[in-house]
Amino acid sequence: MVRSLPYILFVCFIIACAGSQKREEERIRRILESTASYHIERAAAATDSGHFDQAVKRLRQAAEIAPWEPAVFNNMGVAFYHMEEYDSAIV
């Protein structure tokens, strides 16, 4: 029994680290999703694949975070243009 104690402790340590890593990954994901650049990149990917409505959604999220960022509004105009919503593209 005494000899198996180090192995049990080692297994418990590995399990604890795995749970800790998952929590850390979740925390990092939340931090990334709170940045405008994350939403701009996701919008660019959506635009590249032709999902312009999703791009506009992401760009609106980015505009809430960083309303001073001109790339957000330029990219939104491009997405609206591809959706043939020209008045929205101009605005």
Protein backbone atom coordinates (compact mmCIF):
# COMPACT_ATOMS: atom_id res chain seq x y z
CA MET A 1 0.00 0.00 0.00
CA VAL A 2 2.79 2.43 0.87
CA ARG A 3 4.51 1.78 -2.46
CA SER A 4 1.39 2.60 -4.44
CA LEU A 5 0.90 5.94 -2.66
CA PRO A 6 3.37 7.84 -4.91
CA TYR A 7 1.62 6.50 -8.00
CA ILE A 8 -1.78 7.51 -6.69
CA LEU A 9 -0.46 10.98 -5.87
CA PHE A 10 1.10 11.23 -9.33
CA VAL A 11 -2.19 10.29 -11.04
CA CYS A 12 -4.08 12.80 -8.89
CA PHE A 13 -1.55 15.49 -9.84
CA ILE A 14 -1.96 14.74 -13.57
CA ILE A 15 -5.75 14.88 -13.30
CA ALA A 16 -5.58 18.17 -11.40
CA CYS A 17 -3.24 19.66 -14.00
CA ALA A 18 -5.53 18.62 -16.85
CA GLY A 19 -8.49 20.34 -15.21
CA SER A 20 -6.37 23.39 -14.52
CA GLN A 21 -5.22 23.52 -18.14
CA LYS A 22 -8.81 23.37 -19.38
CA ARG A 23 -9.78 26.25 -17.09
CA GLU A 24 -6.78 28.24 -18.32
CA GLU A 25 -7.72 27.61 -21.96
CA GLU A 26 -11.27 28.76 -21.22
CA ARG A 27 -9.96 31.92 -19.54
CA ILE A 28 -7.72 32.68 -22.53
CA ARG A 29 -10.63 32.10 -24.93
CA ARG A 30 -12.78 34.58 -23.00
CA ILE A 31 -9.99 37.16 -23.07
CA LEU A 32 -9.52 36.74 -26.83
CA GLU A 33 -13.23 37.04 -27.49
CA SER A 34 -13.25 40.34 -25.63
CA THR A 35 -10.86 41.95 -28.14
CA ALA A 36 -11.86 43.77 -31.30
CA SER A 37 -9.05 42.15 -33.29
CA TYR A 38 -10.51 38.70 -32.57
CA HIS A 39 -13.86 39.71 -34.05
CA ILE A 40 -12.20 41.46 -37.00
CA GLU A 41 -10.25 38.30 -37.83
CA ARG A 42 -13.35 36.12 -37.50
CA ALA A 43 -15.23 38.58 -39.73
CA ALA A 44 -12.47 38.37 -42.34
CA ALA A 45 -12.74 34.58 -42.31
CA ALA A 46 -16.51 34.82 -42.71
CA THR A 47 -16.11 37.29 -45.58
CA ASP A 48 -13.58 35.05 -47.31
CA SER A 49 -16.04 32.15 -47.17
CA GLY A 50 -18.95 34.28 -48.40
CA HIS A 51 -20.82 34.49 -45.09
CA PHE A 52 -21.30 38.24 -45.16
CA ASP A 53 -24.13 38.31 -42.61
CA GLN A 54 -21.86 36.59 -40.08
CA ALA A 55 -19.10 39.05 -40.93
CA VAL A 56 -21.40 41.99 -40.20
CA LYS A 57 -22.40 40.41 -36.88
CA ARG A 58 -18.73 40.02 -35.86
CA LEU A 59 -17.88 43.53 -37.02
CA ARG A 60 -20.72 44.99 -34.96
CA GLN A 61 -19.27 43.21 -31.93
CA ALA A 62 -15.86 44.67 -32.77
CA ALA A 63 -17.39 48.16 -33.13
CA GLU A 64 -18.84 47.90 -29.62
CA ILE A 65 -15.39 47.12 -28.26
CA ALA A 66 -13.36 49.55 -30.39
CA PRO A 67 -15.57 52.20 -32.00
CA TRP A 68 -12.47 54.20 -33.02
CA GLU A 69 -11.07 51.41 -35.23
CA PRO A 70 -11.51 52.39 -38.91
CA ALA A 71 -10.88 48.83 -40.18
CA VAL A 72 -14.10 47.72 -38.50
CA PHE A 73 -16.24 50.14 -40.47
CA ASN A 74 -14.33 49.69 -43.71
CA ASN A 75 -14.77 45.91 -43.52
CA MET A 76 -18.42 46.33 -42.59
CA GLY A 77 -18.93 48.49 -45.67
CA VAL A 78 -17.33 45.80 -47.82
CA ALA A 79 -19.56 43.11 -46.32
CA PHE A 80 -22.69 45.20 -46.89
CA TYR A 81 -21.55 45.88 -50.45
CA HIS A 82 -21.29 42.14 -51.14
CA MET A 83 -24.75 41.70 -49.64
CA GLU A 84 -25.95 44.39 -52.08
CA GLU A 85 -27.07 46.60 -49.21
CA TYR A 86 -25.54 49.70 -50.73
CA ASP A 87 -27.10 52.28 -48.39
CA SER A 88 -25.71 50.42 -45.37
CA ALA A 89 -22.36 50.08 -47.12
CA ILE A 90 -22.15 53.84 -47.60
CA VAL A 91 -23.08 54.57 -44.00
